[in-house]
Amino acid sequence: MNTSPQGRQTRPVSVPHLVLGIVFAGIAAIWFLGEATDAGLPRTAVGFPVVLIGAGVVGLVAIFANSRRKARPTYPAAETAETAAAPETEETTVLVTEPQQSTPTDQQEQS
């Protein structure tokens, strides 16, 4: 999946679904216009090739757009205000040692 600049994930367009949806919507529109105007099949038959050619053009544009989207380089997510404001420091480890308490055997060794 791709990530848009706003951080949302987007999916590529499913070209077959898009083209078939346009074809079915175009056929339904032609049928509706034929019924609404009481036109017969010979008058509405001109619309079918127009719908198929239009769906093909939209499919080609969608394929081109998907291929350009896949070829685009991805950039890391933008810094938030919190990470941008934090100064860069070196990491250091501080070891805190506590003074050792002397044991009775240590006192005997010292004397």
PDB file of N, CA and C in Angstrom:
ATOM      1  N   MET A   1       0.832  -1.186   0.000  1.00  0.00           N
ATOM      2  CA  MET A   1       0.000   0.000   0.000  1.00  0.00           C
ATOM      3  C   MET A   1       0.867   1.236   0.000  1.00  0.00           C
ATOM      4  N   ASN A   2       0.320   2.262  -0.487  1.00  0.00           N
ATOM      5  CA  ASN A   2       1.036   3.531  -0.512  1.00  0.00           C
ATOM      6  C   ASN A   2       0.590   4.386   0.653  1.00  0.00           C
ATOM      7  N   THR A   3       1.487   5.263   1.063  1.00  0.00           N
ATOM      8  CA  THR A   3       1.143   6.189   2.125  1.00  0.00           C
ATOM      9  C   THR A   3       1.124   7.586   1.543  1.00  0.00           C
ATOM     10  N   SER A   4       0.019   8.274   1.721  1.00  0.00           N
ATOM     11  CA  SER A   4      -0.097   9.633   1.207  1.00  0.00           C
ATOM     12  C   SER A   4       0.594  10.596   2.163  1.00  0.00           C
ATOM     13  N   PRO A   5       0.813  11.855   1.768  1.00  0.00           N
ATOM     14  CA  PRO A   5       1.495  12.811   2.648  1.00  0.00           C
ATOM     15  C   PRO A   5       0.776  13.022   3.981  1.00  0.00           C
ATOM     16  N   GLN A   6      -0.522  12.805   4.033  1.00  0.00           N
ATOM     17  CA  GLN A   6      -1.255  12.987   5.281  1.00  0.00           C
ATOM     18  C   GLN A   6      -1.147  11.770   6.182  1.00  0.00           C
ATOM     19  N   GLY A   7      -0.460  10.718   5.747  1.00  0.00           N
ATOM     20  CA  GLY A   7      -0.277   9.534   6.576  1.00  0.00           C
ATOM     21  C   GLY A   7      -1.333   8.468   6.335  1.00  0.00           C
ATOM     22  N   ARG A   8      -2.302   8.730   5.468  1.00  0.00           N
ATOM     23  CA  ARG A   8      -3.332   7.741   5.182  1.00  0.00           C
ATOM     24  C   ARG A   8      -2.799   6.749   4.168  1.00  0.00           C
ATOM     25  N   GLN A   9      -3.242   5.529   4.275  1.00  0.00           N
ATOM     26  CA  GLN A   9      -2.813   4.536   3.308  1.00  0.00           C
ATOM     27  C   GLN A   9      -3.824   4.484   2.172  1.00  0.00           C
ATOM     28  N   THR A  10      -3.333   4.467   0.947  1.00  0.00           N
ATOM     29  CA  THR A  10      -4.201   4.417  -0.213  1.00  0.00           C
ATOM     30  C   THR A  10      -3.925   3.144  -0.981  1.00  0.00           C
ATOM     31  N   ARG A  11      -4.926   2.671  -1.677  1.00  0.00           N
ATOM     32  CA  ARG A  11      -4.768   1.485  -2.504  1.00  0.00           C
ATOM     33  C   ARG A  11      -4.812   1.894  -3.966  1.00  0.00           C
ATOM     34  N   PRO A  12      -4.131   1.138  -4.811  1.00  0.00           N
ATOM     35  CA  PRO A  12      -4.221   1.447  -6.233  1.00  0.00           C
ATOM     36  C   PRO A  12      -5.622   1.148  -6.752  1.00  0.00           C
ATOM     37  N   VAL A  13      -6.004   1.825  -7.822  1.00  0.00           N
ATOM     38  CA  VAL A  13      -7.330   1.651  -8.401  1.00  0.00           C
ATOM     39  C   VAL A  13      -7.408   0.278  -9.069  1.00  0.00           C
ATOM     40  N   SER A  14      -8.489  -0.437  -8.827  1.00  0.00           N
ATOM     41  CA  SER A  14      -8.713  -1.715  -9.497  1.00  0.00           C
ATOM     42  C   SER A  14      -9.317  -1.404 -10.862  1.00  0.00           C
ATOM     43  N   VAL A  15      -8.491  -1.479 -11.896  1.00  0.00           N
ATOM     44  CA  VAL A  15      -8.898  -1.063 -13.240  1.00  0.00           C
ATOM     45  C   VAL A  15     -10.059  -1.911 -13.771  1.00  0.00           C
ATOM     46  N   PRO A  16     -10.035  -3.242 -13.654  1.00  0.00           N
ATOM     47  CA  PRO A  16     -11.187  -4.010 -14.164  1.00  0.00           C
ATOM     48  C   PRO A  16     -12.499  -3.630 -13.483  1.00  0.00           C
ATOM     49  N   HIS A  17     -12.457  -3.413 -12.176  1.00  0.00           N
ATOM     50  CA  HIS A  17     -13.683  -3.003 -11.475  1.00  0.00           C
ATOM     51  C   HIS A  17     -14.168  -1.641 -11.970  1.00  0.00           C
ATOM     52  N   LEU A  18     -13.241  -0.733 -12.170  1.00  0.00           N
ATOM     53  CA  LEU A  18     -13.601   0.600 -12.650  1.00  0.00           C
ATOM     54  C   LEU A  18     -14.229   0.540 -14.037  1.00  0.00           C
ATOM     55  N   VAL A  19     -13.610  -0.196 -14.964  1.00  0.00           N
ATOM     56  CA  VAL A  19     -14.107  -0.269 -16.339  1.00  0.00           C
ATOM     57  C   VAL A  19     -15.476  -0.950 -16.387  1.00  0.00           C
ATOM     58  N   LEU A  20     -15.629  -2.065 -15.689  1.00  0.00           N
ATOM     59  CA  LEU A  20     -16.922  -2.752 -15.697  1.00  0.00           C
ATOM     60  C   LEU A  20     -18.016  -1.911 -15.033  1.00  0.00           C
ATOM     61  N   GLY A  21     -17.663  -1.164 -14.006  1.00  0.00           N
ATOM     62  CA  GLY A  21     -18.641  -0.272 -13.386  1.00  0.00           C
ATOM     63  C   GLY A  21     -19.103   0.808 -14.346  1.00  0.00           C
ATOM     64  N   ILE A  22     -18.165   1.352 -15.121  1.00  0.00           N
ATOM     65  CA  ILE A  22     -18.528   2.368 -16.115  1.00  0.00           C
ATOM     66  C   ILE A  22     -19.393   1.760 -17.217  1.00  0.00           C
ATOM     67  N   VAL A  23     -19.056   0.551 -17.655  1.00  0.00           N
ATOM     68  CA  VAL A  23     -19.849  -0.106 -18.698  1.00  0.00           C
ATOM     69  C   VAL A  23     -21.275  -0.344 -18.221  1.00  0.00           C
ATOM     70  N   PHE A  24     -21.429  -0.890 -17.025  1.00  0.00           N
ATOM     71  CA  PHE A  24     -22.784  -1.158 -16.517  1.00  0.00           C
ATOM     72  C   PHE A  24     -23.557   0.137 -16.274  1.00  0.00           C
ATOM     73  N   ALA A  25     -22.891   1.162 -15.753  1.00  0.00           N
ATOM     74  CA  ALA A  25     -23.570   2.442 -15.543  1.00  0.00           C
ATOM     75  C   ALA A  25     -23.964   3.072 -16.873  1.00  0.00           C
ATOM     76  N   GLY A  26     -23.103   2.940 -17.891  1.00  0.00           N
ATOM     77  CA  GLY A  26     -23.426   3.481 -19.215  1.00  0.00           C
ATOM     78  C   GLY A  26     -24.593   2.759 -19.860  1.00  0.00           C
ATOM     79  N   ILE A  27     -24.617   1.433 -19.750  1.00  0.00           N
ATOM     80  CA  ILE A  27     -25.737   0.664 -20.305  1.00  0.00           C
ATOM     81  C   ILE A  27     -27.034   1.032 -19.594  1.00  0.00           C
ATOM     82  N   ALA A  28     -26.961   1.185 -18.274  1.00  0.00           N
ATOM     83  CA  ALA A  28     -28.160   1.582 -17.524  1.00  0.00           C
ATOM     84  C   ALA A  28     -28.614   2.980 -17.929  1.00  0.00           C
ATOM     85  N   ALA A  29     -27.673   3.893 -18.167  1.00  0.00           N
ATOM     86  CA  ALA A  29     -28.038   5.247 -18.587  1.00  0.00           C
ATOM     87  C   ALA A  29     -28.686   5.239 -19.971  1.00  0.00           C
ATOM     88  N   ILE A  30     -28.149   4.417 -20.880  1.00  0.00           N
ATOM     89  CA  ILE A  30     -28.744   4.316 -22.216  1.00  0.00           C
ATOM     90  C   ILE A  30     -30.154   3.733 -22.127  1.00  0.00           C
ATOM     91  N   TRP A  31     -30.312   2.713 -21.328  1.00  0.00           N
ATOM     92  CA  TRP A  31     -31.646   2.127 -21.145  1.00  0.00           C
ATOM     93  C   TRP A  31     -32.604   3.162 -20.564  1.00  0.00           C
ATOM     94  N   PHE A  32     -32.143   3.921 -19.559  1.00  0.00           N
ATOM     95  CA  PHE A  32     -32.993   4.940 -18.937  1.00  0.00           C
ATOM     96  C   PHE A  32     -33.387   6.013 -19.952  1.00  0.00           C
ATOM     97  N   LEU A  33     -32.440   6.482 -20.749  1.00  0.00           N
ATOM     98  CA  LEU A  33     -32.754   7.495 -21.764  1.00  0.00           C
ATOM     99  C   LEU A  33     -33.723   6.948 -22.816  1.00  0.00           C
ATOM    100  N   GLY A  34     -33.538   5.673 -23.185  1.00  0.00           N
ATOM    101  CA  GLY A  34     -34.458   5.056 -24.147  1.00  0.00           C
ATOM    102  C   GLY A  34     -35.867   4.966 -23.607  1.00  0.00           C
ATOM    103  N   GLU A  35     -35.996   4.610 -22.332  1.00  0.00           N
ATOM    104  CA  GLU A  35     -37.321   4.517 -21.713  1.00  0.00           C
ATOM    105  C   GLU A  35     -37.934   5.895 -21.488  1.00  0.00           C
ATOM    106  N   ALA A  36     -37.106   6.854 -21.091  1.00  0.00           N
ATOM    107  CA  ALA A  36     -37.630   8.192 -20.790  1.00  0.00           C
ATOM    108  C   ALA A  36     -38.076   8.921 -22.054  1.00  0.00           C
ATOM    109  N   THR A  37     -37.384   8.715 -23.156  1.00  0.00           N
ATOM    110  CA  THR A  37     -37.727   9.424 -24.396  1.00  0.00           C
ATOM    111  C   THR A  37     -38.558   8.568 -25.341  1.00  0.00           C
ATOM    112  N   ASP A  38     -38.854   7.343 -24.960  1.00  0.00           N
ATOM    113  CA  ASP A  38     -39.620   6.402 -25.759  1.00  0.00           C
ATOM    114  C   ASP A  38     -38.938   6.137 -27.105  1.00  0.00           C
ATOM    115  N   ALA A  39     -37.587   6.130 -27.077  1.00  0.00           N
ATOM    116  CA  ALA A  39     -36.807   5.851 -28.283  1.00  0.00           C
ATOM    117  C   ALA A  39     -36.607   4.346 -28.414  1.00  0.00           C
ATOM    118  N   GLY A  40     -36.548   3.880 -29.627  1.00  0.00           N
ATOM    119  CA  GLY A  40     -36.357   2.455 -29.879  1.00  0.00           C
ATOM    120  C   GLY A  40     -34.875   2.096 -29.870  1.00  0.00           C
ATOM    121  N   LEU A  41     -34.618   0.804 -30.060  1.00  0.00           N
ATOM    122  CA  LEU A  41     -33.249   0.304 -30.049  1.00  0.00           C
ATOM    123  C   LEU A  41     -32.376   0.918 -31.143  1.00  0.00           C
ATOM    124  N   PRO A  42     -32.874   1.126 -32.355  1.00  0.00           N
ATOM    125  CA  PRO A  42     -31.992   1.717 -33.367  1.00  0.00           C
ATOM    126  C   PRO A  42     -31.485   3.114 -32.984  1.00  0.00           C
ATOM    127  N   ARG A  43     -32.302   3.883 -32.294  1.00  0.00           N
ATOM    128  CA  ARG A  43     -31.869   5.234 -31.908  1.00  0.00           C
ATOM    129  C   ARG A  43     -30.890   5.201 -30.728  1.00  0.00           C
ATOM    130  N   THR A  44     -31.048   4.267 -29.820  1.00  0.00           N
ATOM    131  CA  THR A  44     -30.166   4.206 -28.646  1.00  0.00           C
ATOM    132  C   THR A  44     -28.925   3.351 -28.894  1.00  0.00           C
ATOM    133  N   ALA A  45     -28.890   2.612 -30.000  1.00  0.00           N
ATOM    134  CA  ALA A  45     -27.760   1.733 -30.285  1.00  0.00           C
ATOM    135  C   ALA A  45     -26.465   2.503 -30.464  1.00  0.00           C
ATOM    136  N   VAL A  46     -26.549   3.772 -30.826  1.00  0.00           N
ATOM    137  CA  VAL A  46     -25.350   4.589 -31.002  1.00  0.00           C
ATOM    138  C   VAL A  46     -24.630   4.776 -29.661  1.00  0.00           C
ATOM    139  N   GLY A  47     -25.349   4.737 -28.571  1.00  0.00           N
ATOM    140  CA  GLY A  47     -24.749   4.959 -27.260  1.00  0.00           C
ATOM    141  C   GLY A  47     -23.867   3.831 -26.772  1.00  0.00           C
ATOM    142  N   PHE A  48     -24.110   2.602 -27.233  1.00  0.00           N
ATOM    143  CA  PHE A  48     -23.336   1.470 -26.741  1.00  0.00           C
ATOM    144  C   PHE A  48     -21.856   1.557 -27.125  1.00  0.00           C
ATOM    145  N   PRO A  49     -21.511   1.838 -28.377  1.00  0.00           N
ATOM    146  CA  PRO A  49     -20.083   1.997 -28.684  1.00  0.00           C
ATOM    147  C   PRO A  49     -19.451   3.178 -27.952  1.00  0.00           C
ATOM    148  N   VAL A  50     -20.224   4.238 -27.748  1.00  0.00           N
ATOM    149  CA  VAL A  50     -19.699   5.400 -27.013  1.00  0.00           C
ATOM    150  C   VAL A  50     -19.345   4.999 -25.585  1.00  0.00           C
ATOM    151  N   VAL A  51     -20.209   4.210 -24.960  1.00  0.00           N
ATOM    152  CA  VAL A  51     -19.953   3.754 -23.595  1.00  0.00           C
ATOM    153  C   VAL A  51     -18.711   2.865 -23.555  1.00  0.00           C
ATOM    154  N   LEU A  52     -18.590   1.946 -24.497  1.00  0.00           N
ATOM    155  CA  LEU A  52     -17.434   1.028 -24.504  1.00  0.00           C
ATOM    156  C   LEU A  52     -16.125   1.779 -24.764  1.00  0.00           C
ATOM    157  N   ILE A  53     -16.139   2.703 -25.710  1.00  0.00           N
ATOM    158  CA  ILE A  53     -14.925   3.479 -25.990  1.00  0.00           C
ATOM    159  C   ILE A  53     -14.567   4.361 -24.797  1.00  0.00           C
ATOM    160  N   GLY A  54     -15.559   4.984 -24.194  1.00  0.00           N
ATOM    161  CA  GLY A  54     -15.307   5.822 -23.010  1.00  0.00           C
ATOM    162  C   GLY A  54     -14.749   5.016 -21.850  1.00  0.00           C
ATOM    163  N   ALA A  55     -15.302   3.825 -21.631  1.00  0.00           N
ATOM    164  CA  ALA A  55     -14.793   2.973 -20.553  1.00  0.00           C
ATOM    165  C   ALA A  55     -13.362   2.532 -20.846  1.00  0.00           C
ATOM    166  N   GLY A  56     -13.052   2.258 -22.127  1.00  0.00           N
ATOM    167  CA  GLY A  56     -11.690   1.884 -22.487  1.00  0.00           C
ATOM    168  C   GLY A  56     -10.703   3.010 -22.246  1.00  0.00           C
ATOM    169  N   VAL A  57     -11.092   4.230 -22.584  1.00  0.00           N
ATOM    170  CA  VAL A  57     -10.212   5.384 -22.358  1.00  0.00           C
ATOM    171  C   VAL A  57      -9.983   5.595 -20.862  1.00  0.00           C
ATOM    172  N   VAL A  58     -11.046   5.501 -20.078  1.00  0.00           N
ATOM    173  CA  VAL A  58     -10.897   5.659 -18.625  1.00  0.00           C
ATOM    174  C   VAL A  58      -9.998   4.552 -18.068  1.00  0.00           C
ATOM    175  N   GLY A  59     -10.126   3.322 -18.580  1.00  0.00           N
ATOM    176  CA  GLY A  59      -9.275   2.225 -18.134  1.00  0.00           C
ATOM    177  C   GLY A  59      -7.812   2.470 -18.457  1.00  0.00           C
ATOM    178  N   LEU A  60      -7.533   2.993 -19.659  1.00  0.00           N
ATOM    179  CA  LEU A  60      -6.145   3.296 -20.018  1.00  0.00           C
ATOM    180  C   LEU A  60      -5.565   4.391 -19.132  1.00  0.00           C
ATOM    181  N   VAL A  61      -6.358   5.405 -18.838  1.00  0.00           N
ATOM    182  CA  VAL A  61      -5.888   6.474 -17.950  1.00  0.00           C
ATOM    183  C   VAL A  61      -5.622   5.915 -16.548  1.00  0.00           C
ATOM    184  N   ALA A  62      -6.496   5.033 -16.065  1.00  0.00           N
ATOM    185  CA  ALA A  62      -6.298   4.446 -14.734  1.00  0.00           C
ATOM    186  C   ALA A  62      -5.045   3.581 -14.692  1.00  0.00           C
ATOM    187  N   ILE A  63      -4.777   2.825 -15.750  1.00  0.00           N
ATOM    188  CA  ILE A  63      -3.558   2.006 -15.799  1.00  0.00           C
ATOM    189  C   ILE A  63      -2.325   2.903 -15.770  1.00  0.00           C
ATOM    190  N   PHE A  64      -2.354   3.979 -16.540  1.00  0.00           N
ATOM    191  CA  PHE A  64      -1.233   4.916 -16.569  1.00  0.00           C
ATOM    192  C   PHE A  64      -1.023   5.559 -15.195  1.00  0.00           C
ATOM    193  N   ALA A  65      -2.114   5.948 -14.543  1.00  0.00           N
ATOM    194  CA  ALA A  65      -1.998   6.585 -13.221  1.00  0.00           C
ATOM    195  C   ALA A  65      -1.448   5.605 -12.190  1.00  0.00           C
ATOM    196  N   ASN A  66      -1.891   4.341 -12.239  1.00  0.00           N
ATOM    197  CA  ASN A  66      -1.380   3.336 -11.298  1.00  0.00           C
ATOM    198  C   ASN A  66       0.103   3.074 -11.512  1.00  0.00           C
ATOM    199  N   SER A  67       0.533   3.022 -12.767  1.00  0.00           N
ATOM    200  CA  SER A  67       1.948   2.745 -13.014  1.00  0.00           C
ATOM    201  C   SER A  67       2.820   3.909 -12.556  1.00  0.00           C
ATOM    202  N   ARG A  68       2.335   5.133 -12.688  1.00  0.00           N
ATOM    203  CA  ARG A  68       3.102   6.288 -12.212  1.00  0.00           C
ATOM    204  C   ARG A  68       3.141   6.324 -10.690  1.00  0.00           C
ATOM    205  N   ARG A  69       2.072   5.907 -10.049  1.00  0.00           N
ATOM    206  CA  ARG A  69       2.034   5.902  -8.585  1.00  0.00           C
ATOM    207  C   ARG A  69       3.002   4.874  -8.031  1.00  0.00           C
ATOM    208  N   LYS A  70       3.111   3.726  -8.690  1.00  0.00           N
ATOM    209  CA  LYS A  70       4.041   2.686  -8.225  1.00  0.00           C
ATOM    210  C   LYS A  70       5.489   3.093  -8.448  1.00  0.00           C
ATOM    211  N   ALA A  71       5.752   3.865  -9.507  1.00  0.00           N
ATOM    212  CA  ALA A  71       7.118   4.269  -9.818  1.00  0.00           C
ATOM    213  C   ALA A  71       7.591   5.444  -8.975  1.00  0.00           C
ATOM    214  N   ARG A  72       6.680   6.133  -8.300  1.00  0.00           N
ATOM    215  CA  ARG A  72       7.037   7.291  -7.489  1.00  0.00           C
ATOM    216  C   ARG A  72       7.802   6.840  -6.249  1.00  0.00           C
ATOM    217  N   PRO A  73       8.916   7.501  -5.926  1.00  0.00           N
ATOM    218  CA  PRO A  73       9.670   7.109  -4.728  1.00  0.00           C
ATOM    219  C   PRO A  73       8.880   7.444  -3.470  1.00  0.00           C
ATOM    220  N   THR A  74       9.082   6.643  -2.467  1.00  0.00           N
ATOM    221  CA  THR A  74       8.416   6.914  -1.196  1.00  0.00           C
ATOM    222  C   THR A  74       9.354   7.696  -0.299  1.00  0.00           C
ATOM    223  N   TYR A  75       8.824   8.621   0.408  1.00  0.00           N
ATOM    224  CA  TYR A  75       9.599   9.460   1.312  1.00  0.00           C
ATOM    225  C   TYR A  75       9.239   9.110   2.743  1.00  0.00           C
ATOM    226  N   PRO A  76      10.187   9.272   3.681  1.00  0.00           N
ATOM    227  CA  PRO A  76       9.862   8.979   5.075  1.00  0.00           C
ATOM    228  C   PRO A  76       8.803   9.938   5.579  1.00  0.00           C
ATOM    229  N   ALA A  77       8.121   9.511   6.598  1.00  0.00           N
ATOM    230  CA  ALA A  77       7.059  10.336   7.167  1.00  0.00           C
ATOM    231  C   ALA A  77       7.631  11.655   7.671  1.00  0.00           C
ATOM    232  N   ALA A  78       6.827  12.677   7.566  1.00  0.00           N
ATOM    233  CA  ALA A  78       7.266  14.003   8.004  1.00  0.00           C
ATOM    234  C   ALA A  78       7.466  14.013   9.517  1.00  0.00           C
ATOM    235  N   GLU A  79       8.407  14.831   9.957  1.00  0.00           N
ATOM    236  CA  GLU A  79       8.666  14.920  11.383  1.00  0.00           C
ATOM    237  C   GLU A  79       7.527  15.651  12.070  1.00  0.00           C
ATOM    238  N   THR A  80       7.235  15.221  13.271  1.00  0.00           N
ATOM    239  CA  THR A  80       6.231  15.924  14.049  1.00  0.00           C
ATOM    240  C   THR A  80       6.908  17.079  14.767  1.00  0.00           C
ATOM    241  N   ALA A  81       6.132  17.951  15.341  1.00  0.00           N
ATOM    242  CA  ALA A  81       6.686  19.114  16.035  1.00  0.00           C
ATOM    243  C   ALA A  81       7.543  18.671  17.225  1.00  0.00           C
ATOM    244  N   GLU A  82       7.171  17.570  17.858  1.00  0.00           N
ATOM    245  CA  GLU A  82       7.921  17.102  19.026  1.00  0.00           C
ATOM    246  C   GLU A  82       9.305  16.596  18.631  1.00  0.00           C
ATOM    247  N   THR A  83       9.382  15.833  17.540  1.00  0.00           N
ATOM    248  CA  THR A  83      10.684  15.298  17.149  1.00  0.00           C
ATOM    249  C   THR A  83      11.548  16.367  16.507  1.00  0.00           C
ATOM    250  N   ALA A  84      10.928  17.333  15.851  1.00  0.00           N
ATOM    251  CA  ALA A  84      11.710  18.391  15.211  1.00  0.00           C
ATOM    252  C   ALA A  84      12.287  19.352  16.245  1.00  0.00           C
ATOM    253  N   ALA A  85      11.590  19.544  17.368  1.00  0.00           N
ATOM    254  CA  ALA A  85      12.033  20.501  18.377  1.00  0.00           C
ATOM    255  C   ALA A  85      13.083  19.915  19.318  1.00  0.00           C
ATOM    256  N   ALA A  86      13.173  18.601  19.379  1.00  0.00           N
ATOM    257  CA  ALA A  86      14.106  17.975  20.304  1.00  0.00           C
ATOM    258  C   ALA A  86      15.537  18.183  19.811  1.00  0.00           C
ATOM    259  N   PRO A  87      16.408  18.700  20.669  1.00  0.00           N
ATOM    260  CA  PRO A  87      17.795  18.896  20.240  1.00  0.00           C
ATOM    261  C   PRO A  87      18.498  17.551  20.150  1.00  0.00           C
ATOM    262  N   GLU A  88      19.446  17.492  19.264  1.00  0.00           N
ATOM    263  CA  GLU A  88      20.185  16.253  19.110  1.00  0.00           C
ATOM    264  C   GLU A  88      21.308  16.222  20.142  1.00  0.00           C
ATOM    265  N   THR A  89      21.332  15.181  20.931  1.00  0.00           N
ATOM    266  CA  THR A  89      22.360  15.031  21.951  1.00  0.00           C
ATOM    267  C   THR A  89      22.980  13.646  21.815  1.00  0.00           C
ATOM    268  N   GLU A  90      24.185  13.543  22.320  1.00  0.00           N
ATOM    269  CA  GLU A  90      24.832  12.244  22.319  1.00  0.00           C
ATOM    270  C   GLU A  90      24.286  11.446  23.487  1.00  0.00           C
ATOM    271  N   GLU A  91      24.160  10.177  23.266  1.00  0.00           N
ATOM    272  CA  GLU A  91      23.699   9.325  24.347  1.00  0.00           C
ATOM    273  C   GLU A  91      24.890   8.962  25.222  1.00  0.00           C
ATOM    274  N   THR A  92      24.732   9.160  26.496  1.00  0.00           N
ATOM    275  CA  THR A  92      25.787   8.782  27.425  1.00  0.00           C
ATOM    276  C   THR A  92      25.192   7.909  28.503  1.00  0.00           C
ATOM    277  N   THR A  93      26.012   7.051  29.019  1.00  0.00           N
ATOM    278  CA  THR A  93      25.585   6.183  30.096  1.00  0.00           C
ATOM    279  C   THR A  93      26.298   6.637  31.363  1.00  0.00           C
ATOM    280  N   VAL A  94      25.529   6.910  32.381  1.00  0.00           N
ATOM    281  CA  VAL A  94      26.088   7.356  33.649  1.00  0.00           C
ATOM    282  C   VAL A  94      25.956   6.210  34.630  1.00  0.00           C
ATOM    283  N   LEU A  95      27.092   5.783  35.171  1.00  0.00           N
ATOM    284  CA  LEU A  95      27.087   4.733  36.176  1.00  0.00           C
ATOM    285  C   LEU A  95      27.213   5.372  37.546  1.00  0.00           C
ATOM    286  N   VAL A  96      26.259   5.119  38.357  1.00  0.00           N
ATOM    287  CA  VAL A  96      26.288   5.656  39.719  1.00  0.00           C
ATOM    288  C   VAL A  96      26.714   4.525  40.634  1.00  0.00           C
ATOM    289  N   THR A  97      27.816   4.772  41.362  1.00  0.00           N
ATOM    290  CA  THR A  97      28.292   3.746  42.286  1.00  0.00           C
ATOM    291  C   THR A  97      28.060   4.233  43.701  1.00  0.00           C
ATOM    292  N   GLU A  98      27.632   3.344  44.511  1.00  0.00           N
ATOM    293  CA  GLU A  98      27.397   3.683  45.909  1.00  0.00           C
ATOM    294  C   GLU A  98      28.629   3.259  46.713  1.00  0.00           C
ATOM    295  N   PRO A  99      28.944   4.014  47.740  1.00  0.00           N
ATOM    296  CA  PRO A  99      30.093   3.612  48.561  1.00  0.00           C
ATOM    297  C   PRO A  99      29.815   2.260  49.228  1.00  0.00           C
ATOM    298  N   GLN A 100      30.838   1.450  49.258  1.00  0.00           N
ATOM    299  CA  GLN A 100      30.663   0.127  49.848  1.00  0.00           C
ATOM    300  C   GLN A 100      30.774   0.226  51.364  1.00  0.00           C
ATOM    301  N   GLN A 101      29.950  -0.543  51.999  1.00  0.00           N
ATOM    302  CA  GLN A 101      30.035  -0.593  53.459  1.00  0.00           C
ATOM    303  C   GLN A 101      31.103  -1.622  53.828  1.00  0.00           C
ATOM    304  N   SER A 102      31.874  -1.252  54.816  1.00  0.00           N
ATOM    305  CA  SER A 102      32.924  -2.181  55.214  1.00  0.00           C
ATOM    306  C   SER A 102      32.326  -3.288  56.066  1.00  0.00           C
ATOM    307  N   THR A 103      32.810  -4.460  55.824  1.00  0.00           N
ATOM    308  CA  THR A 103      32.344  -5.625  56.570  1.00  0.00           C
ATOM    309  C   THR A 103      33.349  -5.911  57.686  1.00  0.00           C
ATOM    310  N   PRO A 104      32.974  -6.688  58.669  1.00  0.00           N
ATOM    311  CA  PRO A 104      33.912  -6.986  59.748  1.00  0.00           C
ATOM    312  C   PRO A 104      35.198  -7.638  59.252  1.00  0.00           C
ATOM    313  N   THR A 105      35.159  -8.423  58.213  1.00  0.00           N
ATOM    314  CA  THR A 105      36.381  -9.046  57.714  1.00  0.00           C
ATOM    315  C   THR A 105      37.279  -8.022  57.055  1.00  0.00           C
ATOM    316  N   ASP A 106      36.689  -6.993  56.414  1.00  0.00           N
ATOM    317  CA  ASP A 106      37.487  -5.942  55.812  1.00  0.00           C
ATOM    318  C   ASP A 106      38.210  -5.139  56.880  1.00  0.00           C
ATOM    319  N   GLN A 107      37.543  -4.912  58.022  1.00  0.00           N
ATOM    320  CA  GLN A 107      38.157  -4.136  59.110  1.00  0.00           C
ATOM    321  C   GLN A 107      39.320  -4.893  59.717  1.00  0.00           C
ATOM    322  N   GLN A 108      39.219  -6.187  59.775  1.00  0.00           N
ATOM    323  CA  GLN A 108      40.305  -6.988  60.338  1.00  0.00           C
ATOM    324  C   GLN A 108      41.507  -6.983  59.403  1.00  0.00           C
ATOM    325  N   GLU A 109      41.258  -6.985  58.092  1.00  0.00           N
ATOM    326  CA  GLU A 109      42.358  -7.005  57.136  1.00  0.00           C
ATOM    327  C   GLU A 109      43.094  -5.685  57.147  1.00  0.00           C
ATOM    328  N   GLN A 110      42.382  -4.575  57.401  1.00  0.00           N
ATOM    329  CA  GLN A 110      43.009  -3.279  57.390  1.00  0.00           C
ATOM    330  C   GLN A 110      43.890  -3.067  58.633  1.00  0.00           C
ATOM    331  N   SER A 111      43.606  -3.737  59.703  1.00  0.00           N
ATOM    332  CA  SER A 111      44.397  -3.526  60.897  1.00  0.00           C
ATOM    333  C   SER A 111      45.588  -4.423  60.996  1.00  0.00           C
TER     334      SER A 111
END
